[in-house]
Amino acid sequence: MQLNRTAALLLSIVITTLLIVHSSKLEAKNLQGSKEQCKRIATKIDMINDKRRAGGSSAQMDKWRKKRNALSDKAYKLNCRKHGKIK
């Protein structure tokens, strides 16, 4: 009898774990940016790149780099690659 309880408990843990993993994958797939969102991000990144090319103080260059990296991370999380090169 004890073995049946243990097996049932183990089975319920495995099923729960699989459901959690599956639902988190679905949530990740649903987080996709529209083409317009991705275009706005790409435009902001281009503007920052232009500013960096023009130059600035060390602190300003660092601030722009951090902002550009944050925008790139956001584009990655929104799966903007699916839209291809946006111009």
N, C-alpha and C. Protein backbone atom coordinates (compact mmCIF):
# COMPACT_ATOMS: atom_id res chain seq x y z
N MET A 1 0.82 -1.19 0.00
CA MET A 1 0.00 0.00 0.00
C MET A 1 0.86 1.26 0.00
N GLN A 2 1.93 1.25 0.79
CA GLN A 2 2.83 2.40 0.87
C GLN A 2 3.48 2.67 -0.49
N LEU A 3 3.81 1.63 -1.23
CA LEU A 3 4.44 1.78 -2.54
C LEU A 3 3.49 2.47 -3.51
N ASN A 4 2.21 2.16 -3.46
CA ASN A 4 1.23 2.79 -4.34
C ASN A 4 1.11 4.28 -4.05
N ARG A 5 1.13 4.65 -2.78
CA ARG A 5 1.07 6.07 -2.40
C ARG A 5 2.30 6.80 -2.90
N THR A 6 3.45 6.20 -2.72
CA THR A 6 4.70 6.82 -3.16
C THR A 6 4.71 6.97 -4.68
N ALA A 7 4.27 5.96 -5.38
CA ALA A 7 4.23 6.02 -6.84
C ALA A 7 3.25 7.10 -7.30
N ALA A 8 2.10 7.19 -6.65
CA ALA A 8 1.11 8.19 -7.01
C ALA A 8 1.64 9.60 -6.75
N LEU A 9 2.31 9.77 -5.63
CA LEU A 9 2.89 11.07 -5.29
C LEU A 9 3.96 11.46 -6.30
N LEU A 10 4.81 10.53 -6.63
CA LEU A 10 5.87 10.78 -7.60
C LEU A 10 5.29 11.12 -8.97
N LEU A 11 4.26 10.41 -9.38
CA LEU A 11 3.61 10.68 -10.65
C LEU A 11 2.99 12.07 -10.67
N SER A 12 2.36 12.47 -9.58
CA SER A 12 1.75 13.80 -9.53
C SER A 12 2.81 14.89 -9.57
N ILE A 13 3.96 14.66 -8.96
CA ILE A 13 5.05 15.64 -9.00
C ILE A 13 5.58 15.77 -10.42
N VAL A 14 5.75 14.66 -11.11
CA VAL A 14 6.25 14.69 -12.49
C VAL A 14 5.26 15.41 -13.40
N ILE A 15 3.99 15.12 -13.26
CA ILE A 15 2.97 15.77 -14.10
C ILE A 15 2.92 17.26 -13.83
N THR A 16 2.97 17.66 -12.57
CA THR A 16 2.96 19.08 -12.22
C THR A 16 4.17 19.79 -12.81
N THR A 17 5.33 19.18 -12.72
CA THR A 17 6.54 19.77 -13.27
C THR A 17 6.43 19.95 -14.78
N LEU A 18 5.92 18.95 -15.46
CA LEU A 18 5.75 19.04 -16.91
C LEU A 18 4.77 20.15 -17.29
N LEU A 19 3.70 20.29 -16.54
CA LEU A 19 2.73 21.35 -16.82
C LEU A 19 3.34 22.74 -16.62
N ILE A 20 4.14 22.90 -15.59
CA ILE A 20 4.79 24.18 -15.33
C ILE A 20 5.76 24.52 -16.45
N VAL A 21 6.56 23.57 -16.86
CA VAL A 21 7.53 23.80 -17.95
C VAL A 21 6.79 24.15 -19.23
N HIS A 22 5.73 23.42 -19.54
CA HIS A 22 4.98 23.67 -20.77
C HIS A 22 4.34 25.06 -20.75
N SER A 23 3.76 25.47 -19.63
CA SER A 23 3.12 26.78 -19.57
C SER A 23 4.14 27.91 -19.68
N SER A 24 5.33 27.73 -19.13
CA SER A 24 6.34 28.79 -19.24
C SER A 24 6.83 28.91 -20.68
N LYS A 25 6.89 27.81 -21.42
CA LYS A 25 7.26 27.89 -22.83
C LYS A 25 6.19 28.61 -23.63
N LEU A 26 4.93 28.38 -23.31
CA LEU A 26 3.85 29.07 -24.01
C LEU A 26 3.91 30.57 -23.74
N GLU A 27 4.19 30.97 -22.51
CA GLU A 27 4.29 32.38 -22.18
C GLU A 27 5.42 33.03 -22.95
N ALA A 28 6.54 32.36 -23.08
CA ALA A 28 7.68 32.91 -23.81
C ALA A 28 7.34 33.09 -25.28
N LYS A 29 6.59 32.17 -25.85
CA LYS A 29 6.22 32.29 -27.26
C LYS A 29 5.24 33.44 -27.48
N ASN A 30 4.39 33.72 -26.50
CA ASN A 30 3.40 34.78 -26.65
C ASN A 30 4.00 36.17 -26.56
N LEU A 31 5.20 36.30 -26.04
CA LEU A 31 5.84 37.59 -25.90
C LEU A 31 6.56 37.93 -27.20
N GLN A 32 5.82 38.48 -28.15
CA GLN A 32 6.40 38.86 -29.43
C GLN A 32 5.96 40.28 -29.75
N GLY A 33 6.92 41.07 -30.20
CA GLY A 33 6.62 42.44 -30.52
C GLY A 33 6.03 42.57 -31.91
N SER A 34 5.20 43.59 -32.08
CA SER A 34 4.67 43.87 -33.41
C SER A 34 5.78 44.48 -34.26
N LYS A 35 5.55 44.52 -35.55
CA LYS A 35 6.54 45.10 -36.45
C LYS A 35 6.76 46.57 -36.11
N GLU A 36 5.70 47.27 -35.71
CA GLU A 36 5.82 48.69 -35.35
C GLU A 36 6.68 48.87 -34.10
N GLN A 37 6.46 48.03 -33.08
CA GLN A 37 7.27 48.11 -31.86
C GLN A 37 8.74 47.89 -32.19
N CYS A 38 9.00 46.88 -32.98
CA CYS A 38 10.38 46.55 -33.33
C CYS A 38 11.01 47.67 -34.16
N LYS A 39 10.22 48.28 -35.03
CA LYS A 39 10.74 49.38 -35.86
C LYS A 39 11.10 50.58 -34.97
N ARG A 40 10.27 50.88 -33.97
CA ARG A 40 10.57 51.99 -33.05
C ARG A 40 11.88 51.72 -32.30
N ILE A 41 12.05 50.50 -31.85
CA ILE A 41 13.28 50.15 -31.13
C ILE A 41 14.48 50.29 -32.06
N ALA A 42 14.36 49.79 -33.29
CA ALA A 42 15.46 49.87 -34.26
C ALA A 42 15.81 51.33 -34.56
N THR A 43 14.79 52.19 -34.67
CA THR A 43 15.02 53.61 -34.93
C THR A 43 15.77 54.26 -33.77
N LYS A 44 15.38 53.93 -32.54
CA LYS A 44 16.06 54.48 -31.37
C LYS A 44 17.51 54.02 -31.31
N ILE A 45 17.75 52.75 -31.63
CA ILE A 45 19.12 52.24 -31.64
C ILE A 45 19.95 52.97 -32.69
N ASP A 46 19.37 53.19 -33.87
CA ASP A 46 20.09 53.92 -34.93
C ASP A 46 20.42 55.35 -34.49
N MET A 47 19.48 56.01 -33.81
CA MET A 47 19.73 57.38 -33.34
C MET A 47 20.87 57.40 -32.32
N ILE A 48 20.88 56.44 -31.43
CA ILE A 48 21.96 56.36 -30.44
C ILE A 48 23.29 56.09 -31.12
N ASN A 49 23.29 55.20 -32.11
CA ASN A 49 24.53 54.92 -32.84
C ASN A 49 25.06 56.17 -33.53
N ASP A 50 24.16 56.98 -34.11
CA ASP A 50 24.58 58.23 -34.75
C ASP A 50 25.19 59.18 -33.73
N LYS A 51 24.59 59.29 -32.56
CA LYS A 51 25.13 60.15 -31.51
C LYS A 51 26.51 59.68 -31.09
N ARG A 52 26.68 58.37 -30.95
CA ARG A 52 27.98 57.83 -30.52
C ARG A 52 29.05 58.07 -31.58
N ARG A 53 28.66 57.99 -32.85
CA ARG A 53 29.63 58.26 -33.91
C ARG A 53 30.09 59.71 -33.89
N ALA A 54 29.17 60.61 -33.52
CA ALA A 54 29.50 62.03 -33.46
C ALA A 54 30.42 62.33 -32.28
N GLY A 55 30.41 61.47 -31.30
CA GLY A 55 31.31 61.64 -30.15
C GLY A 55 30.63 62.32 -28.98
N GLY A 56 31.34 62.31 -27.88
CA GLY A 56 30.83 62.91 -26.65
C GLY A 56 31.78 62.59 -25.52
N SER A 57 31.42 63.04 -24.34
CA SER A 57 32.26 62.76 -23.17
C SER A 57 32.22 61.27 -22.87
N SER A 58 33.15 60.84 -22.07
CA SER A 58 33.22 59.43 -21.69
C SER A 58 31.93 59.00 -20.98
N ALA A 59 31.44 59.84 -20.10
CA ALA A 59 30.22 59.52 -19.36
C ALA A 59 29.02 59.43 -20.31
N GLN A 60 28.96 60.36 -21.27
CA GLN A 60 27.83 60.36 -22.21
C GLN A 60 27.88 59.13 -23.12
N MET A 61 29.08 58.78 -23.57
CA MET A 61 29.23 57.59 -24.43
C MET A 61 28.80 56.34 -23.67
N ASP A 62 29.17 56.26 -22.39
CA ASP A 62 28.79 55.11 -21.57
C ASP A 62 27.28 55.05 -21.38
N LYS A 63 26.66 56.20 -21.16
CA LYS A 63 25.21 56.28 -20.99
C LYS A 63 24.50 55.81 -22.26
N TRP A 64 24.97 56.27 -23.43
CA TRP A 64 24.37 55.85 -24.70
C TRP A 64 24.56 54.35 -24.95
N ARG A 65 25.74 53.84 -24.60
CA ARG A 65 26.01 52.41 -24.79
C ARG A 65 25.05 51.57 -23.94
N LYS A 66 24.85 51.98 -22.69
CA LYS A 66 23.94 51.25 -21.82
C LYS A 66 22.50 51.30 -22.34
N LYS A 67 22.10 52.47 -22.83
CA LYS A 67 20.75 52.62 -23.38
C LYS A 67 20.57 51.75 -24.62
N ARG A 68 21.59 51.74 -25.49
CA ARG A 68 21.54 50.92 -26.71
C ARG A 68 21.46 49.43 -26.34
N ASN A 69 22.26 49.01 -25.37
CA ASN A 69 22.23 47.61 -24.94
C ASN A 69 20.87 47.23 -24.35
N ALA A 70 20.27 48.15 -23.60
CA ALA A 70 18.94 47.88 -23.02
C ALA A 70 17.90 47.74 -24.13
N LEU A 71 17.99 48.59 -25.14
CA LEU A 71 17.06 48.49 -26.27
C LEU A 71 17.27 47.20 -27.05
N SER A 72 18.52 46.81 -27.22
CA SER A 72 18.82 45.56 -27.92
C SER A 72 18.27 44.37 -27.15
N ASP A 73 18.40 44.40 -25.82
CA ASP A 73 17.85 43.33 -24.98
C ASP A 73 16.33 43.27 -25.12
N LYS A 74 15.70 44.45 -25.15
CA LYS A 74 14.25 44.50 -25.29
C LYS A 74 13.82 43.92 -26.63
N ALA A 75 14.55 44.28 -27.70
CA ALA A 75 14.23 43.75 -29.03
C ALA A 75 14.38 42.24 -29.05
N TYR A 76 15.40 41.74 -28.38
CA TYR A 76 15.61 40.29 -28.32
C TYR A 76 14.47 39.60 -27.58
N LYS A 77 14.04 40.18 -26.46
CA LYS A 77 12.97 39.58 -25.67
C LYS A 77 11.63 39.61 -26.42
N LEU A 78 11.45 40.63 -27.27
CA LEU A 78 10.22 40.73 -28.05
C LEU A 78 10.30 39.91 -29.34
N ASN A 79 11.42 39.22 -29.53
CA ASN A 79 11.61 38.37 -30.70
C ASN A 79 11.51 39.17 -32.00
N CYS A 80 12.13 40.33 -32.04
CA CYS A 80 12.08 41.19 -33.22
C CYS A 80 12.81 40.59 -34.41
N ARG A 81 13.61 39.56 -34.19
CA ARG A 81 14.33 38.91 -35.29
C ARG A 81 13.35 38.33 -36.31
N LYS A 82 12.15 38.00 -35.86
CA LYS A 82 11.18 37.38 -36.76
C LYS A 82 10.78 38.32 -37.90
N HIS A 83 10.97 39.64 -37.71
CA HIS A 83 10.61 40.61 -38.74
C HIS A 83 11.75 40.85 -39.72
N GLY A 84 12.89 40.26 -39.46
CA GLY A 84 14.04 40.48 -40.34
C GLY A 84 14.65 41.85 -40.09
N LYS A 85 15.43 42.32 -41.02
CA LYS A 85 16.07 43.63 -40.91
C LYS A 85 15.01 44.71 -41.08
N ILE A 86 14.87 45.56 -40.09
CA ILE A 86 13.85 46.61 -40.13
C ILE A 86 14.50 47.93 -40.50
N LYS A 87 13.97 48.58 -41.48
CA LYS A 87 14.43 49.92 -41.88
C LYS A 87 13.26 50.81 -42.13
